[in-house]
């Protein structure tokens, strides 16, 4: 009985630790003459940012810092696409449909990404 209680307590502690809140600041710059929509997708659970079908829209060549609240250890990837033409995309694209190289980071305590340059 005691062994079961100890194991249950350890399992509960692991769940609590794995679900600790983290944050990320993504730095993204779009070098495209068209507006570019951006969203972020968890690779560990069904979650996306900003969520509810919304996106961040970049309309200039400036670096934009987009902040997310996430779960420590969660792998998050960016997806970006030309507004109105999601066949032109960066990262995992619209709705997390594609594979990517170097477009994902792990959530932690105040993680800041390097600048992701989206070239035309």
N, C-alpha and C. Protein backbone atom coordinates (compact mmCIF):
# COMPACT_ATOMS: atom_id res chain seq x y z
N UNK A 1 0.83 -1.20 0.00
CA UNK A 1 0.00 0.00 0.00
C UNK A 1 0.87 1.26 0.00
N UNK A 2 1.88 1.27 0.85
CA UNK A 2 2.77 2.42 0.93
C UNK A 2 3.50 2.63 -0.40
N UNK A 3 3.90 1.54 -1.04
CA UNK A 3 4.58 1.62 -2.33
C UNK A 3 3.68 2.29 -3.37
N UNK A 4 2.38 1.94 -3.38
CA UNK A 4 1.44 2.56 -4.32
C UNK A 4 1.30 4.05 -4.06
N UNK A 5 1.22 4.43 -2.79
CA UNK A 5 1.10 5.85 -2.44
C UNK A 5 2.33 6.64 -2.89
N UNK A 6 3.51 6.06 -2.68
CA UNK A 6 4.75 6.73 -3.10
C UNK A 6 4.78 6.88 -4.61
N UNK A 7 4.42 5.83 -5.33
CA UNK A 7 4.41 5.89 -6.80
C UNK A 7 3.39 6.91 -7.29
N UNK A 8 2.22 6.96 -6.68
CA UNK A 8 1.20 7.94 -7.07
C UNK A 8 1.68 9.36 -6.82
N UNK A 9 2.35 9.57 -5.69
CA UNK A 9 2.89 10.91 -5.37
C UNK A 9 3.97 11.31 -6.37
N UNK A 10 4.83 10.36 -6.73
CA UNK A 10 5.87 10.65 -7.72
C UNK A 10 5.27 10.98 -9.08
N UNK A 11 4.27 10.24 -9.49
CA UNK A 11 3.60 10.50 -10.77
C UNK A 11 2.96 11.88 -10.77
N UNK A 12 2.31 12.25 -9.69
CA UNK A 12 1.68 13.56 -9.58
C UNK A 12 2.73 14.66 -9.63
N UNK A 13 3.86 14.46 -8.97
CA UNK A 13 4.94 15.46 -8.99
C UNK A 13 5.47 15.63 -10.40
N UNK A 14 5.62 14.53 -11.13
CA UNK A 14 6.12 14.62 -12.52
C UNK A 14 5.14 15.38 -13.40
N UNK A 15 3.85 15.14 -13.26
CA UNK A 15 2.85 15.85 -14.05
C UNK A 15 2.90 17.33 -13.73
N UNK A 16 3.01 17.67 -12.45
CA UNK A 16 3.06 19.09 -12.05
C UNK A 16 4.28 19.77 -12.63
N UNK A 17 5.42 19.10 -12.59
CA UNK A 17 6.65 19.71 -13.12
C UNK A 17 6.57 19.88 -14.63
N UNK A 18 6.01 18.88 -15.33
CA UNK A 18 6.00 18.95 -16.79
C UNK A 18 5.01 19.99 -17.30
N UNK A 19 4.05 20.38 -16.48
CA UNK A 19 3.04 21.34 -16.93
C UNK A 19 3.34 22.75 -16.45
N UNK A 20 4.56 23.02 -16.05
CA UNK A 20 4.90 24.36 -15.59
C UNK A 20 4.87 25.33 -16.76
N UNK A 21 4.37 26.51 -16.47
CA UNK A 21 4.25 27.53 -17.51
C UNK A 21 5.61 28.07 -17.91
N UNK A 22 5.76 28.27 -19.20
CA UNK A 22 6.95 28.89 -19.74
C UNK A 22 6.53 30.01 -20.67
N UNK A 23 7.50 30.63 -21.31
CA UNK A 23 7.18 31.69 -22.26
C UNK A 23 8.25 31.74 -23.34
N UNK A 24 7.82 32.24 -24.48
CA UNK A 24 8.73 32.38 -25.62
C UNK A 24 8.48 33.71 -26.29
N UNK A 25 9.56 34.30 -26.77
CA UNK A 25 9.47 35.50 -27.60
C UNK A 25 10.10 35.14 -28.94
N UNK A 26 9.27 35.14 -29.97
CA UNK A 26 9.72 34.83 -31.33
C UNK A 26 10.00 36.13 -32.06
N UNK A 27 11.17 36.22 -32.67
CA UNK A 27 11.55 37.39 -33.46
C UNK A 27 11.46 37.03 -34.93
N UNK A 28 10.54 37.69 -35.64
CA UNK A 28 10.27 37.33 -37.04
C UNK A 28 10.26 38.59 -37.90
N UNK A 29 10.89 38.48 -39.07
CA UNK A 29 10.91 39.58 -40.04
C UNK A 29 10.55 39.00 -41.40
N UNK A 30 9.59 39.64 -42.07
CA UNK A 30 9.15 39.19 -43.39
C UNK A 30 9.69 40.12 -44.47
N UNK A 31 10.47 39.55 -45.39
CA UNK A 31 10.97 40.29 -46.54
C UNK A 31 10.12 39.93 -47.76
N UNK A 32 8.86 40.21 -47.67
CA UNK A 32 7.95 39.91 -48.78
C UNK A 32 7.12 41.16 -49.06
N UNK A 33 6.86 41.42 -50.31
CA UNK A 33 6.10 42.64 -50.64
C UNK A 33 4.63 42.50 -50.27
N UNK A 34 4.19 41.28 -50.00
CA UNK A 34 2.80 41.03 -49.60
C UNK A 34 2.72 40.88 -48.07
N UNK A 35 1.53 41.04 -47.53
CA UNK A 35 1.32 40.78 -46.11
C UNK A 35 1.55 39.30 -45.83
N UNK A 36 2.17 39.01 -44.69
CA UNK A 36 2.48 37.65 -44.30
C UNK A 36 1.77 37.35 -42.98
N UNK A 37 1.04 36.24 -42.94
CA UNK A 37 0.37 35.80 -41.71
C UNK A 37 1.25 34.79 -41.00
N UNK A 38 1.25 34.85 -39.67
CA UNK A 38 2.09 33.98 -38.84
C UNK A 38 1.25 33.37 -37.72
N UNK A 39 1.49 32.09 -37.47
CA UNK A 39 0.90 31.40 -36.32
C UNK A 39 1.94 30.41 -35.80
N UNK A 40 1.72 29.91 -34.60
CA UNK A 40 2.64 28.97 -33.97
C UNK A 40 1.87 27.73 -33.57
N UNK A 41 2.55 26.57 -33.68
CA UNK A 41 1.87 25.29 -33.46
C UNK A 41 2.70 24.40 -32.53
N UNK A 42 2.03 23.89 -31.49
CA UNK A 42 2.67 22.92 -30.61
C UNK A 42 2.81 21.61 -31.37
N UNK A 43 3.93 20.93 -31.16
CA UNK A 43 4.15 19.62 -31.75
C UNK A 43 3.86 18.51 -30.75
N UNK A 44 3.50 18.90 -29.49
CA UNK A 44 3.26 17.94 -28.42
C UNK A 44 1.79 17.80 -28.05
N UNK A 45 0.98 18.77 -28.42
CA UNK A 45 -0.43 18.75 -28.08
C UNK A 45 -1.18 19.58 -29.11
N UNK A 46 -2.48 19.58 -29.03
CA UNK A 46 -3.28 20.36 -29.99
C UNK A 46 -3.41 21.78 -29.45
N UNK A 47 -2.46 22.61 -29.79
CA UNK A 47 -2.48 24.01 -29.35
C UNK A 47 -1.83 24.85 -30.43
N UNK A 48 -2.35 26.06 -30.60
CA UNK A 48 -1.76 27.00 -31.55
C UNK A 48 -1.91 28.41 -31.00
N UNK A 49 -1.07 29.29 -31.48
CA UNK A 49 -1.07 30.69 -31.05
C UNK A 49 -1.16 31.58 -32.27
N UNK A 50 -1.86 32.69 -32.28
CA UNK A 50 -2.61 33.21 -31.14
C UNK A 50 -3.89 32.44 -30.85
N UNK A 51 -4.32 31.53 -31.70
CA UNK A 51 -5.46 30.67 -31.43
C UNK A 51 -6.78 31.22 -31.94
N UNK A 52 -7.80 30.38 -31.87
CA UNK A 52 -9.16 30.74 -32.31
C UNK A 52 -9.21 31.25 -33.75
N UNK A 53 -8.38 30.67 -34.63
CA UNK A 53 -8.40 31.06 -36.04
C UNK A 53 -7.73 32.40 -36.34
N UNK A 54 -7.12 33.01 -35.32
CA UNK A 54 -6.46 34.30 -35.53
C UNK A 54 -5.00 34.10 -35.92
N UNK A 55 -4.39 35.14 -36.47
CA UNK A 55 -2.97 35.13 -36.86
C UNK A 55 -2.38 36.50 -36.53
N UNK A 56 -1.06 36.56 -36.53
CA UNK A 56 -0.37 37.84 -36.52
C UNK A 56 -0.09 38.16 -37.98
N UNK A 57 -0.27 39.40 -38.39
CA UNK A 57 -0.01 39.80 -39.77
C UNK A 57 1.14 40.79 -39.79
N UNK A 58 2.15 40.47 -40.61
CA UNK A 58 3.31 41.34 -40.78
C UNK A 58 3.18 42.06 -42.12
N UNK A 59 3.27 43.39 -42.08
CA UNK A 59 3.08 44.18 -43.30
C UNK A 59 4.26 45.07 -43.61
N UNK A 60 5.37 44.84 -42.94
CA UNK A 60 6.56 45.66 -43.18
C UNK A 60 7.80 44.79 -43.05
N UNK A 61 8.96 45.39 -43.16
CA UNK A 61 10.21 44.64 -43.11
C UNK A 61 10.87 44.72 -41.74
N UNK A 62 10.14 45.13 -40.72
CA UNK A 62 10.69 45.26 -39.38
C UNK A 62 10.67 43.92 -38.65
N UNK A 63 11.54 43.81 -37.63
CA UNK A 63 11.51 42.64 -36.76
C UNK A 63 10.33 42.79 -35.81
N UNK A 64 9.49 41.78 -35.74
CA UNK A 64 8.35 41.76 -34.84
C UNK A 64 8.61 40.71 -33.77
N UNK A 65 8.41 41.07 -32.51
CA UNK A 65 8.55 40.13 -31.41
C UNK A 65 7.16 39.68 -30.99
N UNK A 66 6.91 38.38 -31.14
CA UNK A 66 5.60 37.78 -30.85
C UNK A 66 5.77 36.89 -29.63
N UNK A 67 4.99 37.15 -28.59
CA UNK A 67 5.15 36.46 -27.31
C UNK A 67 4.08 35.39 -27.11
N UNK A 68 4.53 34.23 -26.60
CA UNK A 68 3.64 33.10 -26.34
C UNK A 68 3.79 32.64 -24.90
N UNK A 69 2.70 32.21 -24.31
CA UNK A 69 2.74 31.46 -23.06
C UNK A 69 2.61 30.01 -23.45
N UNK A 70 3.46 29.15 -22.91
CA UNK A 70 3.50 27.76 -23.32
C UNK A 70 3.88 26.89 -22.13
N UNK A 71 4.04 25.61 -22.36
CA UNK A 71 4.41 24.66 -21.31
C UNK A 71 5.88 24.31 -21.46
N UNK A 72 6.64 24.42 -20.38
CA UNK A 72 8.07 24.09 -20.43
C UNK A 72 8.29 22.72 -21.06
N UNK A 73 9.23 22.66 -22.00
CA UNK A 73 9.56 21.42 -22.68
C UNK A 73 8.76 21.17 -23.95
N UNK A 74 7.77 21.98 -24.20
CA UNK A 74 6.92 21.82 -25.39
C UNK A 74 7.66 22.31 -26.63
N UNK A 75 7.59 21.53 -27.70
CA UNK A 75 8.20 21.92 -28.98
C UNK A 75 7.19 22.74 -29.77
N UNK A 76 7.60 23.95 -30.16
CA UNK A 76 6.70 24.85 -30.90
C UNK A 76 7.38 25.27 -32.19
N UNK A 77 6.61 25.24 -33.28
CA UNK A 77 7.12 25.62 -34.60
C UNK A 77 6.30 26.79 -35.14
N UNK A 78 6.98 27.64 -35.92
CA UNK A 78 6.23 28.72 -36.55
C UNK A 78 5.76 28.28 -37.93
N UNK A 79 4.64 28.85 -38.33
CA UNK A 79 4.14 28.69 -39.68
C UNK A 79 3.81 30.07 -40.20
N UNK A 80 4.24 30.37 -41.40
CA UNK A 80 3.95 31.68 -42.00
C UNK A 80 3.61 31.45 -43.46
N UNK A 81 2.77 32.33 -44.00
CA UNK A 81 2.34 32.20 -45.39
C UNK A 81 1.91 33.56 -45.89
N UNK A 82 1.96 33.72 -47.20
CA UNK A 82 1.50 34.97 -47.81
C UNK A 82 -0.01 35.02 -47.66
N UNK A 83 -0.50 36.13 -47.17
CA UNK A 83 -1.96 36.28 -46.97
C UNK A 83 -2.67 36.01 -48.29
N UNK A 84 -3.63 35.09 -48.26
CA UNK A 84 -4.41 34.76 -49.45
C UNK A 84 -3.77 33.72 -50.35
N UNK A 85 -2.56 33.25 -50.00
CA UNK A 85 -1.88 32.26 -50.84
C UNK A 85 -1.03 31.37 -49.93
N UNK A 86 -1.65 30.39 -49.28
CA UNK A 86 -0.88 29.58 -48.34
C UNK A 86 0.01 28.54 -49.03
N UNK A 87 0.08 28.57 -50.37
CA UNK A 87 1.05 27.73 -51.07
C UNK A 87 2.45 28.34 -51.01
N UNK A 88 2.52 29.63 -50.70
CA UNK A 88 3.82 30.31 -50.46
C UNK A 88 3.96 30.42 -48.95
N UNK A 89 4.82 29.57 -48.38
CA UNK A 89 4.91 29.49 -46.93
C UNK A 89 6.35 29.36 -46.45
N UNK A 90 6.49 29.54 -45.14
CA UNK A 90 7.76 29.36 -44.43
C UNK A 90 7.46 28.51 -43.21
N UNK A 91 8.48 27.84 -42.69
CA UNK A 91 8.28 26.99 -41.52
C UNK A 91 7.31 25.87 -41.84
N UNK A 92 6.38 25.62 -40.93
CA UNK A 92 5.40 24.55 -41.14
C UNK A 92 4.18 25.01 -41.93
N UNK A 93 4.16 26.29 -42.30
CA UNK A 93 3.06 26.80 -43.12
C UNK A 93 1.75 26.90 -42.36
N UNK A 94 0.69 27.12 -43.13
CA UNK A 94 -0.65 27.30 -42.59
C UNK A 94 -1.18 25.98 -42.04
N UNK A 95 -1.75 25.98 -40.87
CA UNK A 95 -2.33 24.81 -40.21
C UNK A 95 -1.31 23.71 -39.93
N UNK A 96 -0.01 24.07 -39.83
CA UNK A 96 1.01 23.08 -39.43
C UNK A 96 1.09 21.91 -40.41
N UNK A 97 0.91 22.18 -41.71
CA UNK A 97 0.79 21.13 -42.73
C UNK A 97 2.12 20.58 -43.25
N UNK A 98 3.21 21.30 -43.05
CA UNK A 98 4.47 20.95 -43.71
C UNK A 98 5.57 20.63 -42.71
N UNK A 99 6.62 20.04 -43.22
CA UNK A 99 7.82 19.78 -42.41
C UNK A 99 8.74 20.98 -42.58
N UNK A 100 9.63 21.15 -41.63
CA UNK A 100 10.54 22.29 -41.73
C UNK A 100 11.89 21.95 -41.13
N UNK A 101 12.86 22.79 -41.43
CA UNK A 101 14.19 22.70 -40.85
C UNK A 101 14.44 24.00 -40.11
N UNK A 102 14.82 23.92 -38.87
CA UNK A 102 15.18 25.08 -38.06
C UNK A 102 14.02 26.06 -37.86
N UNK A 103 12.81 25.56 -37.73
CA UNK A 103 11.68 26.46 -37.48
C UNK A 103 11.01 26.17 -36.15
N UNK A 104 11.61 25.29 -35.33
CA UNK A 104 11.01 24.90 -34.05
C UNK A 104 11.98 25.17 -32.90
N UNK A 105 11.41 25.52 -31.77
CA UNK A 105 12.19 25.73 -30.55
C UNK A 105 11.42 25.13 -29.38
N UNK A 106 12.12 24.89 -28.29
CA UNK A 106 11.51 24.31 -27.10
C UNK A 106 11.17 25.40 -26.11
N UNK A 107 9.94 25.37 -25.62
CA UNK A 107 9.48 26.34 -24.64
C UNK A 107 10.25 26.17 -23.33
N UNK A 108 10.49 27.28 -22.68
CA UNK A 108 11.18 27.27 -21.39
C UNK A 108 10.90 28.57 -20.66
N UNK A 109 11.77 28.91 -19.75
CA UNK A 109 11.62 30.16 -19.00
C UNK A 109 12.19 31.30 -19.82
N UNK A 110 11.33 32.12 -20.38
CA UNK A 110 11.72 33.31 -21.14
C UNK A 110 12.65 33.00 -22.31
N UNK A 111 12.31 32.01 -23.12
CA UNK A 111 13.10 31.67 -24.32
C UNK A 111 12.94 32.79 -25.35
N UNK A 112 14.05 33.21 -25.94
CA UNK A 112 14.03 34.22 -27.00
C UNK A 112 14.69 33.60 -28.23
N UNK A 113 13.99 33.59 -29.34
CA UNK A 113 14.53 32.99 -30.56
C UNK A 113 15.42 33.98 -31.29
N UNK A 114 16.32 33.47 -32.12
CA UNK A 114 17.02 34.38 -33.04
C UNK A 114 16.00 34.93 -34.03
N UNK A 115 16.40 35.88 -34.85
CA UNK A 115 15.49 36.46 -35.84
C UNK A 115 15.25 35.43 -36.94
N UNK A 116 13.98 35.13 -37.19
CA UNK A 116 13.57 34.26 -38.28
C UNK A 116 13.30 35.17 -39.48
N UNK A 117 14.16 35.13 -40.50
CA UNK A 117 13.98 35.96 -41.68
C UNK A 117 13.19 35.20 -42.73
N UNK A 118 12.02 35.70 -43.07
CA UNK A 118 11.18 35.10 -44.10
C UNK A 118 11.46 35.83 -45.40
N UNK A 119 12.22 35.20 -46.26
CA UNK A 119 12.62 35.83 -47.51
C UNK A 119 11.60 35.63 -48.60
N UNK A 120 11.50 36.64 -49.49
CA UNK A 120 10.56 36.59 -50.61
C UNK A 120 10.94 35.48 -51.56
